[in-house]
């Protein structure tokens, strides 16, 4: 595990320390949990994107010819 140094405004740190104490945790744990969440979310999104592209590549769907225009789609009985 690596240590990092952060520069945080004194008033922010004071408020976060109170927040942590009220939840029986530490500022360090809050920061570590938040950074872990960011990393996991990023991995989850990348995995979902990869699986979607794999499904697109594997799809054999044939939507047929495009015989409409954008204007046709938005023509609502004018």
PDB file of N, CA and C in Angstrom:
ATOM      1  N   UNK A   1       0.856  -1.172   0.000  1.00  0.00           N
ATOM      2  CA  UNK A   1       0.000   0.000   0.000  1.00  0.00           C
ATOM      3  C   UNK A   1       0.903   1.237   0.000  1.00  0.00           C
ATOM      4  N   UNK A   2       0.555   2.200  -0.836  1.00  0.00           N
ATOM      5  CA  UNK A   2       1.331   3.436  -0.961  1.00  0.00           C
ATOM      6  C   UNK A   2       0.712   4.541  -0.114  1.00  0.00           C
ATOM      7  N   UNK A   3       1.552   5.429   0.341  1.00  0.00           N
ATOM      8  CA  UNK A   3       1.097   6.635   1.028  1.00  0.00           C
ATOM      9  C   UNK A   3       1.111   7.786   0.030  1.00  0.00           C
ATOM     10  N   UNK A   4       0.144   8.693   0.162  1.00  0.00           N
ATOM     11  CA  UNK A   4       0.117   9.894  -0.664  1.00  0.00           C
ATOM     12  C   UNK A   4      -0.033  11.100   0.249  1.00  0.00           C
ATOM     13  N   UNK A   5       0.337  12.261  -0.276  1.00  0.00           N
ATOM     14  CA  UNK A   5       0.191  13.502   0.467  1.00  0.00           C
ATOM     15  C   UNK A   5      -0.821  14.365  -0.264  1.00  0.00           C
ATOM     16  N   UNK A   6      -1.776  14.906   0.476  1.00  0.00           N
ATOM     17  CA  UNK A   6      -2.808  15.764  -0.100  1.00  0.00           C
ATOM     18  C   UNK A   6      -2.730  17.148   0.533  1.00  0.00           C
ATOM     19  N   UNK A   7      -3.000  18.147  -0.266  1.00  0.00           N
ATOM     20  CA  UNK A   7      -3.129  19.512   0.263  1.00  0.00           C
ATOM     21  C   UNK A   7      -4.620  19.812   0.339  1.00  0.00           C
ATOM     22  N   UNK A   8      -5.102  20.047   1.553  1.00  0.00           N
ATOM     23  CA  UNK A   8      -6.526  20.282   1.783  1.00  0.00           C
ATOM     24  C   UNK A   8      -6.677  21.532   2.632  1.00  0.00           C
ATOM     25  N   UNK A   9      -7.622  22.355   2.276  1.00  0.00           N
ATOM     26  CA  UNK A   9      -7.916  23.561   3.040  1.00  0.00           C
ATOM     27  C   UNK A   9      -8.221  23.187   4.492  1.00  0.00           C
ATOM     28  N   UNK A  10      -7.714  23.954   5.417  1.00  0.00           N
ATOM     29  CA  UNK A  10      -7.881  23.659   6.850  1.00  0.00           C
ATOM     30  C   UNK A  10      -9.347  23.513   7.240  1.00  0.00           C
ATOM     31  N   UNK A  11     -10.191  24.387   6.730  1.00  0.00           N
ATOM     32  CA  UNK A  11     -11.604  24.322   7.129  1.00  0.00           C
ATOM     33  C   UNK A  11     -12.265  23.059   6.564  1.00  0.00           C
ATOM     34  N   UNK A  12     -11.869  22.656   5.370  1.00  0.00           N
ATOM     35  CA  UNK A  12     -12.412  21.425   4.783  1.00  0.00           C
ATOM     36  C   UNK A  12     -11.966  20.222   5.606  1.00  0.00           C
ATOM     37  N   UNK A  13     -10.689  20.173   5.938  1.00  0.00           N
ATOM     38  CA  UNK A  13     -10.176  19.056   6.725  1.00  0.00           C
ATOM     39  C   UNK A  13     -10.868  18.982   8.083  1.00  0.00           C
ATOM     40  N   UNK A  14     -11.085  20.108   8.691  1.00  0.00           N
ATOM     41  CA  UNK A  14     -11.766  20.124   9.989  1.00  0.00           C
ATOM     42  C   UNK A  14     -13.171  19.542   9.868  1.00  0.00           C
ATOM     43  N   UNK A  15     -13.891  19.955   8.851  1.00  0.00           N
ATOM     44  CA  UNK A  15     -15.256  19.446   8.652  1.00  0.00           C
ATOM     45  C   UNK A  15     -15.249  17.960   8.338  1.00  0.00           C
ATOM     46  N   UNK A  16     -14.284  17.510   7.524  1.00  0.00           N
ATOM     47  CA  UNK A  16     -14.215  16.089   7.172  1.00  0.00           C
ATOM     48  C   UNK A  16     -13.823  15.260   8.395  1.00  0.00           C
ATOM     49  N   UNK A  17     -12.974  15.776   9.247  1.00  0.00           N
ATOM     50  CA  UNK A  17     -12.625  15.057  10.480  1.00  0.00           C
ATOM     51  C   UNK A  17     -13.861  14.862  11.359  1.00  0.00           C
ATOM     52  N   UNK A  18     -14.690  15.909  11.458  1.00  0.00           N
ATOM     53  CA  UNK A  18     -15.934  15.779  12.233  1.00  0.00           C
ATOM     54  C   UNK A  18     -16.860  14.752  11.581  1.00  0.00           C
ATOM     55  N   UNK A  19     -16.954  14.796  10.263  1.00  0.00           N
ATOM     56  CA  UNK A  19     -17.773  13.840   9.506  1.00  0.00           C
ATOM     57  C   UNK A  19     -17.289  12.421   9.795  1.00  0.00           C
ATOM     58  N   UNK A  20     -15.985  12.203   9.716  1.00  0.00           N
ATOM     59  CA  UNK A  20     -15.406  10.874   9.953  1.00  0.00           C
ATOM     60  C   UNK A  20     -15.665  10.416  11.386  1.00  0.00           C
ATOM     61  N   UNK A  21     -15.443  11.292  12.331  1.00  0.00           N
ATOM     62  CA  UNK A  21     -15.643  10.933  13.739  1.00  0.00           C
ATOM     63  C   UNK A  21     -17.093  10.543  14.003  1.00  0.00           C
ATOM     64  N   UNK A  22     -18.013  11.261  13.408  1.00  0.00           N
ATOM     65  CA  UNK A  22     -19.436  10.960  13.598  1.00  0.00           C
ATOM     66  C   UNK A  22     -19.800   9.592  13.031  1.00  0.00           C
ATOM     67  N   UNK A  23     -18.994   9.101  12.114  1.00  0.00           N
ATOM     68  CA  UNK A  23     -19.251   7.799  11.482  1.00  0.00           C
ATOM     69  C   UNK A  23     -18.266   6.733  11.952  1.00  0.00           C
ATOM     70  N   UNK A  24     -17.536   7.059  13.004  1.00  0.00           N
ATOM     71  CA  UNK A  24     -16.576   6.130  13.607  1.00  0.00           C
ATOM     72  C   UNK A  24     -15.590   5.583  12.567  1.00  0.00           C
ATOM     73  N   UNK A  25     -15.032   6.491  11.769  1.00  0.00           N
ATOM     74  CA  UNK A  25     -14.036   6.125  10.771  1.00  0.00           C
ATOM     75  C   UNK A  25     -12.961   7.203  10.745  1.00  0.00           C
ATOM     76  N   UNK A  26     -12.085   7.150   9.768  1.00  0.00           N
ATOM     77  CA  UNK A  26     -11.009   8.136   9.657  1.00  0.00           C
ATOM     78  C   UNK A  26     -11.079   8.827   8.307  1.00  0.00           C
ATOM     79  N   UNK A  27     -10.430   9.977   8.236  1.00  0.00           N
ATOM     80  CA  UNK A  27     -10.325  10.685   6.952  1.00  0.00           C
ATOM     81  C   UNK A  27      -9.603   9.794   5.958  1.00  0.00           C
ATOM     82  N   UNK A  28      -8.559   9.126   6.392  1.00  0.00           N
ATOM     83  CA  UNK A  28      -7.813   8.218   5.529  1.00  0.00           C
ATOM     84  C   UNK A  28      -8.726   7.144   4.934  1.00  0.00           C
ATOM     85  N   UNK A  29      -9.562   6.537   5.767  1.00  0.00           N
ATOM     86  CA  UNK A  29     -10.470   5.496   5.292  1.00  0.00           C
ATOM     87  C   UNK A  29     -11.483   6.057   4.300  1.00  0.00           C
ATOM     88  N   UNK A  30     -11.971   7.255   4.549  1.00  0.00           N
ATOM     89  CA  UNK A  30     -12.929   7.877   3.630  1.00  0.00           C
ATOM     90  C   UNK A  30     -12.284   8.108   2.264  1.00  0.00           C
ATOM     91  N   UNK A  31     -11.084   8.666   2.267  1.00  0.00           N
ATOM     92  CA  UNK A  31     -10.381   8.934   1.001  1.00  0.00           C
ATOM     93  C   UNK A  31     -10.081   7.625   0.287  1.00  0.00           C
ATOM     94  N   UNK A  32      -9.571   6.626   1.015  1.00  0.00           N
ATOM     95  CA  UNK A  32      -9.243   5.330   0.422  1.00  0.00           C
ATOM     96  C   UNK A  32     -10.490   4.682  -0.185  1.00  0.00           C
ATOM     97  N   UNK A  33     -11.610   4.703   0.549  1.00  0.00           N
ATOM     98  CA  UNK A  33     -12.851   4.112   0.040  1.00  0.00           C
ATOM     99  C   UNK A  33     -13.352   4.846  -1.198  1.00  0.00           C
ATOM    100  N   UNK A  34     -13.244   6.159  -1.185  1.00  0.00           N
ATOM    101  CA  UNK A  34     -13.715   6.933  -2.339  1.00  0.00           C
ATOM    102  C   UNK A  34     -12.859   6.645  -3.571  1.00  0.00           C
ATOM    103  N   UNK A  35     -11.549   6.601  -3.399  1.00  0.00           N
ATOM    104  CA  UNK A  35     -10.669   6.318  -4.541  1.00  0.00           C
ATOM    105  C   UNK A  35     -10.872   4.894  -5.050  1.00  0.00           C
ATOM    106  N   UNK A  36     -11.114   3.954  -4.142  1.00  0.00           N
ATOM    107  CA  UNK A  36     -11.405   2.575  -4.545  1.00  0.00           C
ATOM    108  C   UNK A  36     -12.689   2.532  -5.362  1.00  0.00           C
ATOM    109  N   UNK A  37     -13.701   3.252  -4.910  1.00  0.00           N
ATOM    110  CA  UNK A  37     -14.981   3.303  -5.636  1.00  0.00           C
ATOM    111  C   UNK A  37     -14.782   3.861  -7.049  1.00  0.00           C
ATOM    112  N   UNK A  38     -14.002   4.923  -7.189  1.00  0.00           N
ATOM    113  CA  UNK A  38     -13.740   5.511  -8.500  1.00  0.00           C
ATOM    114  C   UNK A  38     -13.064   4.489  -9.411  1.00  0.00           C
ATOM    115  N   UNK A  39     -12.051   3.804  -8.900  1.00  0.00           N
ATOM    116  CA  UNK A  39     -11.324   2.817  -9.697  1.00  0.00           C
ATOM    117  C   UNK A  39     -12.237   1.662 -10.101  1.00  0.00           C
ATOM    118  N   UNK A  40     -13.055   1.175  -9.189  1.00  0.00           N
ATOM    119  CA  UNK A  40     -13.957   0.064  -9.496  1.00  0.00           C
ATOM    120  C   UNK A  40     -15.019   0.481 -10.497  1.00  0.00           C
ATOM    121  N   UNK A  41     -15.538   1.685 -10.363  1.00  0.00           N
ATOM    122  CA  UNK A  41     -16.550   2.182 -11.303  1.00  0.00           C
ATOM    123  C   UNK A  41     -15.951   2.304 -12.694  1.00  0.00           C
ATOM    124  N   UNK A  42     -14.742   2.805 -12.773  1.00  0.00           N
ATOM    125  CA  UNK A  42     -14.060   2.928 -14.060  1.00  0.00           C
ATOM    126  C   UNK A  42     -13.880   1.556 -14.709  1.00  0.00           C
ATOM    127  N   UNK A  43     -13.479   0.565 -13.913  1.00  0.00           N
ATOM    128  CA  UNK A  43     -13.325  -0.800 -14.429  1.00  0.00           C
ATOM    129  C   UNK A  43     -14.664  -1.366 -14.876  1.00  0.00           C
ATOM    130  N   UNK A  44     -15.718  -1.100 -14.110  1.00  0.00           N
ATOM    131  CA  UNK A  44     -17.049  -1.617 -14.454  1.00  0.00           C
ATOM    132  C   UNK A  44     -17.525  -1.037 -15.777  1.00  0.00           C
ATOM    133  N   UNK A  45     -17.337   0.258 -15.965  1.00  0.00           N
ATOM    134  CA  UNK A  45     -17.754   0.918 -17.200  1.00  0.00           C
ATOM    135  C   UNK A  45     -16.956   0.385 -18.385  1.00  0.00           C
ATOM    136  N   UNK A  46     -15.652   0.226 -18.211  1.00  0.00           N
ATOM    137  CA  UNK A  46     -14.808  -0.302 -19.293  1.00  0.00           C
ATOM    138  C   UNK A  46     -15.235  -1.719 -19.654  1.00  0.00           C
ATOM    139  N   UNK A  47     -15.545  -2.531 -18.663  1.00  0.00           N
ATOM    140  CA  UNK A  47     -16.006  -3.896 -18.929  1.00  0.00           C
ATOM    141  C   UNK A  47     -17.336  -3.920 -19.654  1.00  0.00           C
ATOM    142  N   UNK A  48     -18.246  -3.069 -19.251  1.00  0.00           N
ATOM    143  CA  UNK A  48     -19.553  -2.999 -19.916  1.00  0.00           C
ATOM    144  C   UNK A  48     -19.396  -2.548 -21.360  1.00  0.00           C
ATOM    145  N   UNK A  49     -18.528  -1.576 -21.590  1.00  0.00           N
ATOM    146  CA  UNK A  49     -18.283  -1.099 -22.953  1.00  0.00           C
ATOM    147  C   UNK A  49     -17.688  -2.228 -23.812  1.00  0.00           C
ATOM    148  N   UNK A  50     -16.730  -2.967 -23.244  1.00  0.00           N
ATOM    149  CA  UNK A  50     -16.098  -4.078 -23.962  1.00  0.00           C
ATOM    150  C   UNK A  50     -17.134  -5.151 -24.310  1.00  0.00           C
ATOM    151  N   UNK A  51     -17.996  -5.516 -23.341  1.00  0.00           N
ATOM    152  CA  UNK A  51     -19.018  -6.538 -23.606  1.00  0.00           C
ATOM    153  C   UNK A  51     -20.019  -6.064 -24.650  1.00  0.00           C
ATOM    154  N   UNK A  52     -20.382  -4.797 -24.636  1.00  0.00           N
ATOM    155  CA  UNK A  52     -21.296  -4.257 -25.625  1.00  0.00           C
ATOM    156  C   UNK A  52     -20.694  -4.347 -27.027  1.00  0.00           C
ATOM    157  N   UNK A  53     -19.432  -3.977 -27.154  1.00  0.00           N
ATOM    158  CA  UNK A  53     -18.776  -4.065 -28.461  1.00  0.00           C
ATOM    159  C   UNK A  53     -18.663  -5.516 -28.925  1.00  0.00           C
ATOM    160  N   UNK A  54     -18.425  -6.447 -28.002  1.00  0.00           N
ATOM    161  CA  UNK A  54     -18.385  -7.865 -28.353  1.00  0.00           C
ATOM    162  C   UNK A  54     -19.752  -8.326 -28.854  1.00  0.00           C
ATOM    163  N   UNK A  55     -20.826  -7.875 -28.211  1.00  0.00           N
ATOM    164  CA  UNK A  55     -22.172  -8.248 -28.654  1.00  0.00           C
ATOM    165  C   UNK A  55     -22.471  -7.671 -30.026  1.00  0.00           C
ATOM    166  N   UNK A  56     -22.041  -6.440 -30.266  1.00  0.00           N
ATOM    167  CA  UNK A  56     -22.249  -5.828 -31.584  1.00  0.00           C
ATOM    168  C   UNK A  56     -21.530  -6.632 -32.644  1.00  0.00           C
ATOM    169  N   UNK A  57     -20.283  -7.000 -32.370  1.00  0.00           N
ATOM    170  CA  UNK A  57     -19.508  -7.785 -33.337  1.00  0.00           C
ATOM    171  C   UNK A  57     -20.141  -9.153 -33.590  1.00  0.00           C
ATOM    172  N   UNK A  58     -20.708  -9.772 -32.558  1.00  0.00           N
ATOM    173  CA  UNK A  58     -21.286 -11.110 -32.688  1.00  0.00           C
ATOM    174  C   UNK A  58     -22.694 -11.090 -33.264  1.00  0.00           C
ATOM    175  N   UNK A  59     -23.339  -9.949 -33.285  1.00  0.00           N
ATOM    176  CA  UNK A  59     -24.724  -9.855 -33.736  1.00  0.00           C
ATOM    177  C   UNK A  59     -24.851 -10.197 -35.210  1.00  0.00           C
ATOM    178  N   UNK A  60     -25.913 -10.919 -35.515  1.00  0.00           N
ATOM    179  CA  UNK A  60     -26.214 -11.242 -36.898  1.00  0.00           C
ATOM    180  C   UNK A  60     -27.525 -10.580 -37.317  1.00  0.00           C
ATOM    181  N   UNK A  61     -27.903  -9.568 -36.591  1.00  0.00           N
ATOM    182  CA  UNK A  61     -29.156  -8.873 -36.871  1.00  0.00           C
ATOM    183  C   UNK A  61     -29.094  -8.198 -38.234  1.00  0.00           C
ATOM    184  N   UNK A  62     -30.183  -8.308 -38.969  1.00  0.00           N
ATOM    185  CA  UNK A  62     -30.293  -7.645 -40.263  1.00  0.00           C
ATOM    186  C   UNK A  62     -31.498  -6.727 -40.184  1.00  0.00           C
ATOM    187  N   UNK A  63     -31.225  -5.453 -40.147  1.00  0.00           N
ATOM    188  CA  UNK A  63     -32.302  -4.486 -40.004  1.00  0.00           C
ATOM    189  C   UNK A  63     -32.935  -4.125 -41.332  1.00  0.00           C
ATOM    190  N   UNK A  64     -32.392  -4.649 -42.422  1.00  0.00           N
ATOM    191  CA  UNK A  64     -32.934  -4.363 -43.742  1.00  0.00           C
ATOM    192  C   UNK A  64     -32.487  -3.004 -44.235  1.00  0.00           C
ATOM    193  N   UNK A  65     -32.970  -2.652 -45.408  1.00  0.00           N
ATOM    194  CA  UNK A  65     -32.544  -1.376 -45.995  1.00  0.00           C
ATOM    195  C   UNK A  65     -33.161  -0.190 -45.258  1.00  0.00           C
ATOM    196  N   UNK A  66     -32.438   0.890 -45.256  1.00  0.00           N
ATOM    197  CA  UNK A  66     -32.952   2.133 -44.681  1.00  0.00           C
ATOM    198  C   UNK A  66     -33.669   2.864 -45.815  1.00  0.00           C
ATOM    199  N   UNK A  67     -34.996   2.889 -45.729  1.00  0.00           N
ATOM    200  CA  UNK A  67     -35.781   3.530 -46.777  1.00  0.00           C
ATOM    201  C   UNK A  67     -36.601   4.701 -46.211  1.00  0.00           C
ATOM    202  N   UNK A  68     -36.075   5.299 -45.181  1.00  0.00           N
ATOM    203  CA  UNK A  68     -36.732   6.439 -44.567  1.00  0.00           C
ATOM    204  C   UNK A  68     -35.692   7.527 -44.352  1.00  0.00           C
ATOM    205  N   UNK A  69     -36.173   8.718 -44.145  1.00  0.00           N
ATOM    206  CA  UNK A  69     -35.286   9.845 -43.866  1.00  0.00           C
ATOM    207  C   UNK A  69     -35.571  10.361 -42.459  1.00  0.00           C
ATOM    208  N   UNK A  70     -34.710  11.164 -41.991  1.00  0.00           N
ATOM    209  CA  UNK A  70     -34.907  11.768 -40.678  1.00  0.00           C
ATOM    210  C   UNK A  70     -36.210  12.565 -40.665  1.00  0.00           C
ATOM    211  N   UNK A  71     -36.481  13.250 -41.737  1.00  0.00           N
ATOM    212  CA  UNK A  71     -37.699  14.044 -41.828  1.00  0.00           C
ATOM    213  C   UNK A  71     -38.942  13.160 -41.720  1.00  0.00           C
ATOM    214  N   UNK A  72     -38.887  11.951 -42.333  1.00  0.00           N
ATOM    215  CA  UNK A  72     -40.013  11.002 -42.225  1.00  0.00           C
ATOM    216  C   UNK A  72     -40.290  10.656 -40.764  1.00  0.00           C
ATOM    217  N   UNK A  73     -39.233  10.457 -40.010  1.00  0.00           N
ATOM    218  CA  UNK A  73     -39.392  10.074 -38.623  1.00  0.00           C
ATOM    219  C   UNK A  73     -40.054  11.159 -37.787  1.00  0.00           C
ATOM    220  N   UNK A  74     -39.788  12.405 -38.133  1.00  0.00           N
ATOM    221  CA  UNK A  74     -40.303  13.513 -37.353  1.00  0.00           C
ATOM    222  C   UNK A  74     -41.561  14.138 -37.946  1.00  0.00           C
ATOM    223  N   UNK A  75     -42.041  13.591 -39.054  1.00  0.00           N
ATOM    224  CA  UNK A  75     -43.279  14.079 -39.659  1.00  0.00           C
ATOM    225  C   UNK A  75     -44.438  13.514 -38.849  1.00  0.00           C
ATOM    226  N   UNK A  76     -45.093  14.362 -38.111  1.00  0.00           N
ATOM    227  CA  UNK A  76     -46.168  13.902 -37.220  1.00  0.00           C
ATOM    228  C   UNK A  76     -47.514  14.442 -37.717  1.00  0.00           C
ATOM    229  N   UNK A  77     -47.800  14.134 -38.958  1.00  0.00           N
ATOM    230  CA  UNK A  77     -49.094  14.497 -39.496  1.00  0.00           C
ATOM    231  C   UNK A  77     -49.265  15.967 -39.814  1.00  0.00           C
ATOM    232  N   UNK A  78     -48.214  16.557 -40.284  1.00  0.00           N
ATOM    233  CA  UNK A  78     -48.309  17.988 -40.626  1.00  0.00           C
ATOM    234  C   UNK A  78     -49.219  18.215 -41.787  1.00  0.00           C
TER     235      UNK A  78
END
